[in-house]
Structures are given as C-alpha cells and as structure tokens.
C-alpha cells in the first residue's frame, strides 16, 4: 500500500524537479533559487529509498 504511494510521490517529485531545472535553465523561472531544486532532488531520492524499504517490509 505505502510502496505505491511512495513510488507515485517519487515520480512526481522527480518530474517536477526536472521541469523546474529545465525552465530555470532557459530563463523562464529565474525567481526560483537553485537550493529549492536541490532540495527537490533530495526529496525524490528519499521517496525512492522509502519506496524500496516499504516494498521489502511489505507495508
């Protein structure tokens, strides 16, 4: 149950982070600091790890 939730959140954060990175890179979203994008990458990695743990634990 939780593994599907974590997988969906991980994919969502990863897609959002890549979109923000690309839009900031071409100058559309210049008001977003790089630290926000960095934290989004960290959140995606954390959700990936939680997803793997949840699959092993079979929550």
N, C-alpha and C. Protein backbone atom coordinates (compact mmCIF):
# COMPACT_ATOMS: atom_id res chain seq x y z
N UNK A 1 0.82 -1.19 0.00
CA UNK A 1 0.00 0.00 0.00
C UNK A 1 0.87 1.26 0.00
N UNK A 2 1.79 1.36 0.97
CA UNK A 2 2.62 2.55 1.05
C UNK A 2 3.66 2.60 -0.06
N UNK A 3 4.07 1.43 -0.56
CA UNK A 3 5.08 1.45 -1.62
C UNK A 3 4.54 2.11 -2.88
N UNK A 4 3.27 1.90 -3.20
CA UNK A 4 2.68 2.58 -4.36
C UNK A 4 2.60 4.08 -4.14
N UNK A 5 2.28 4.48 -2.92
CA UNK A 5 2.22 5.91 -2.60
C UNK A 5 3.60 6.54 -2.73
N UNK A 6 4.61 5.90 -2.16
CA UNK A 6 5.96 6.44 -2.24
C UNK A 6 6.47 6.45 -3.67
N UNK A 7 6.13 5.44 -4.45
CA UNK A 7 6.55 5.42 -5.86
C UNK A 7 5.92 6.57 -6.63
N UNK A 8 4.64 6.81 -6.41
CA UNK A 8 3.98 7.92 -7.08
C UNK A 8 4.54 9.27 -6.68
N UNK A 9 4.82 9.43 -5.38
CA UNK A 9 5.42 10.68 -4.92
C UNK A 9 6.81 10.88 -5.48
N UNK A 10 7.58 9.79 -5.56
CA UNK A 10 8.93 9.88 -6.09
C UNK A 10 8.91 10.30 -7.55
N UNK A 11 8.05 9.70 -8.33
CA UNK A 11 7.94 10.05 -9.74
C UNK A 11 7.47 11.50 -9.89
N UNK A 12 6.51 11.89 -9.08
CA UNK A 12 6.02 13.27 -9.13
C UNK A 12 7.09 14.28 -8.80
N UNK A 13 7.84 14.04 -7.72
CA UNK A 13 8.91 14.96 -7.36
C UNK A 13 10.00 15.00 -8.42
N UNK A 14 10.32 13.84 -8.98
CA UNK A 14 11.37 13.80 -9.99
C UNK A 14 10.96 14.56 -11.24
N UNK A 15 9.75 14.37 -11.69
CA UNK A 15 9.26 15.09 -12.88
C UNK A 15 9.20 16.59 -12.60
N UNK A 16 8.70 16.96 -11.43
CA UNK A 16 8.63 18.38 -11.06
C UNK A 16 10.02 19.00 -10.99
N UNK A 17 10.95 18.28 -10.41
CA UNK A 17 12.31 18.80 -10.28
C UNK A 17 12.97 18.98 -11.64
N UNK A 18 12.81 18.01 -12.52
CA UNK A 18 13.40 18.13 -13.86
C UNK A 18 12.76 19.28 -14.62
N UNK A 19 11.44 19.42 -14.50
CA UNK A 19 10.76 20.53 -15.18
C UNK A 19 11.24 21.88 -14.65
N UNK A 20 11.36 22.00 -13.33
CA UNK A 20 11.86 23.25 -12.75
C UNK A 20 13.28 23.54 -13.19
N UNK A 21 14.11 22.50 -13.22
CA UNK A 21 15.50 22.67 -13.62
C UNK A 21 15.60 23.16 -15.07
N UNK A 22 14.80 22.56 -15.94
CA UNK A 22 14.83 22.96 -17.35
C UNK A 22 14.28 24.37 -17.54
N UNK A 23 13.16 24.68 -16.89
CA UNK A 23 12.58 26.02 -17.03
C UNK A 23 13.48 27.10 -16.43
N UNK A 24 14.15 26.78 -15.34
CA UNK A 24 15.08 27.75 -14.76
C UNK A 24 16.31 27.90 -15.66
N UNK A 25 16.73 26.81 -16.26
CA UNK A 25 17.91 26.85 -17.12
C UNK A 25 17.73 27.70 -18.36
N UNK A 26 16.51 27.72 -18.92
CA UNK A 26 16.30 28.53 -20.13
C UNK A 26 15.81 29.94 -19.79
N UNK A 27 15.75 30.26 -18.48
CA UNK A 27 15.47 31.63 -18.07
C UNK A 27 14.02 31.97 -17.84
N UNK A 28 13.13 31.00 -17.84
CA UNK A 28 11.71 31.30 -17.62
C UNK A 28 11.42 31.46 -16.13
N UNK A 29 11.96 30.58 -15.32
CA UNK A 29 11.72 30.64 -13.87
C UNK A 29 12.99 31.10 -13.15
N UNK A 30 13.36 32.33 -13.33
CA UNK A 30 14.60 32.82 -12.73
C UNK A 30 14.44 33.16 -11.25
N UNK A 31 13.20 33.27 -10.76
CA UNK A 31 13.00 33.65 -9.36
C UNK A 31 13.14 32.47 -8.41
N UNK A 32 13.24 31.25 -8.92
CA UNK A 32 13.39 30.07 -8.06
C UNK A 32 14.87 29.84 -7.80
N UNK A 33 15.29 29.87 -6.53
CA UNK A 33 16.70 29.64 -6.24
C UNK A 33 17.11 28.19 -6.50
N UNK A 34 18.37 27.99 -6.76
CA UNK A 34 18.88 26.65 -7.04
C UNK A 34 18.73 25.71 -5.86
N UNK A 35 18.69 26.25 -4.64
CA UNK A 35 18.54 25.42 -3.46
C UNK A 35 17.21 24.68 -3.42
N UNK A 36 16.17 25.30 -3.94
CA UNK A 36 14.86 24.66 -3.99
C UNK A 36 14.91 23.44 -4.90
N UNK A 37 15.57 23.58 -6.03
CA UNK A 37 15.69 22.46 -6.96
C UNK A 37 16.54 21.36 -6.35
N UNK A 38 17.61 21.74 -5.66
CA UNK A 38 18.47 20.77 -4.98
C UNK A 38 17.67 20.00 -3.92
N UNK A 39 16.87 20.69 -3.14
CA UNK A 39 16.04 20.03 -2.13
C UNK A 39 15.00 19.11 -2.76
N UNK A 40 14.50 19.47 -3.94
CA UNK A 40 13.55 18.60 -4.64
C UNK A 40 14.22 17.31 -5.08
N UNK A 41 15.47 17.40 -5.54
CA UNK A 41 16.21 16.19 -5.89
C UNK A 41 16.41 15.31 -4.66
N UNK A 42 16.75 15.92 -3.54
CA UNK A 42 16.93 15.16 -2.30
C UNK A 42 15.62 14.49 -1.88
N UNK A 43 14.51 15.20 -1.99
CA UNK A 43 13.20 14.63 -1.64
C UNK A 43 12.86 13.45 -2.55
N UNK A 44 13.18 13.55 -3.83
CA UNK A 44 12.91 12.44 -4.75
C UNK A 44 13.74 11.22 -4.38
N UNK A 45 14.98 11.43 -3.98
CA UNK A 45 15.84 10.32 -3.57
C UNK A 45 15.32 9.69 -2.28
N UNK A 46 14.87 10.51 -1.34
CA UNK A 46 14.31 10.00 -0.09
C UNK A 46 13.06 9.17 -0.36
N UNK A 47 12.18 9.65 -1.22
CA UNK A 47 10.99 8.88 -1.55
C UNK A 47 11.34 7.57 -2.26
N UNK A 48 12.38 7.58 -3.07
CA UNK A 48 12.84 6.35 -3.71
C UNK A 48 13.29 5.34 -2.66
N UNK A 49 14.09 5.79 -1.71
CA UNK A 49 14.56 4.90 -0.66
C UNK A 49 13.41 4.39 0.20
N UNK A 50 12.47 5.25 0.54
CA UNK A 50 11.31 4.81 1.32
C UNK A 50 10.46 3.81 0.55
N UNK A 51 10.38 3.98 -0.75
CA UNK A 51 9.64 3.04 -1.58
C UNK A 51 10.30 1.66 -1.55
N UNK A 52 11.62 1.65 -1.65
CA UNK A 52 12.34 0.37 -1.61
C UNK A 52 12.18 -0.30 -0.26
N UNK A 53 12.26 0.47 0.83
CA UNK A 53 12.09 -0.08 2.17
C UNK A 53 10.67 -0.61 2.35
N UNK A 54 9.69 0.12 1.87
CA UNK A 54 8.29 -0.31 2.01
C UNK A 54 8.03 -1.60 1.23
N UNK A 55 8.68 -1.75 0.09
CA UNK A 55 8.50 -3.00 -0.67
C UNK A 55 9.12 -4.17 0.05
N UNK A 56 10.26 -3.94 0.71
CA UNK A 56 10.90 -5.03 1.46
C UNK A 56 10.11 -5.37 2.71
N UNK A 57 9.56 -4.36 3.37
CA UNK A 57 8.80 -4.58 4.60
C UNK A 57 7.39 -5.07 4.32
N UNK A 58 6.92 -4.86 3.09
CA UNK A 58 5.56 -5.22 2.66
C UNK A 58 4.51 -4.54 3.53
N UNK A 59 4.63 -3.20 3.65
CA UNK A 59 3.67 -2.41 4.42
C UNK A 59 2.35 -2.42 3.74
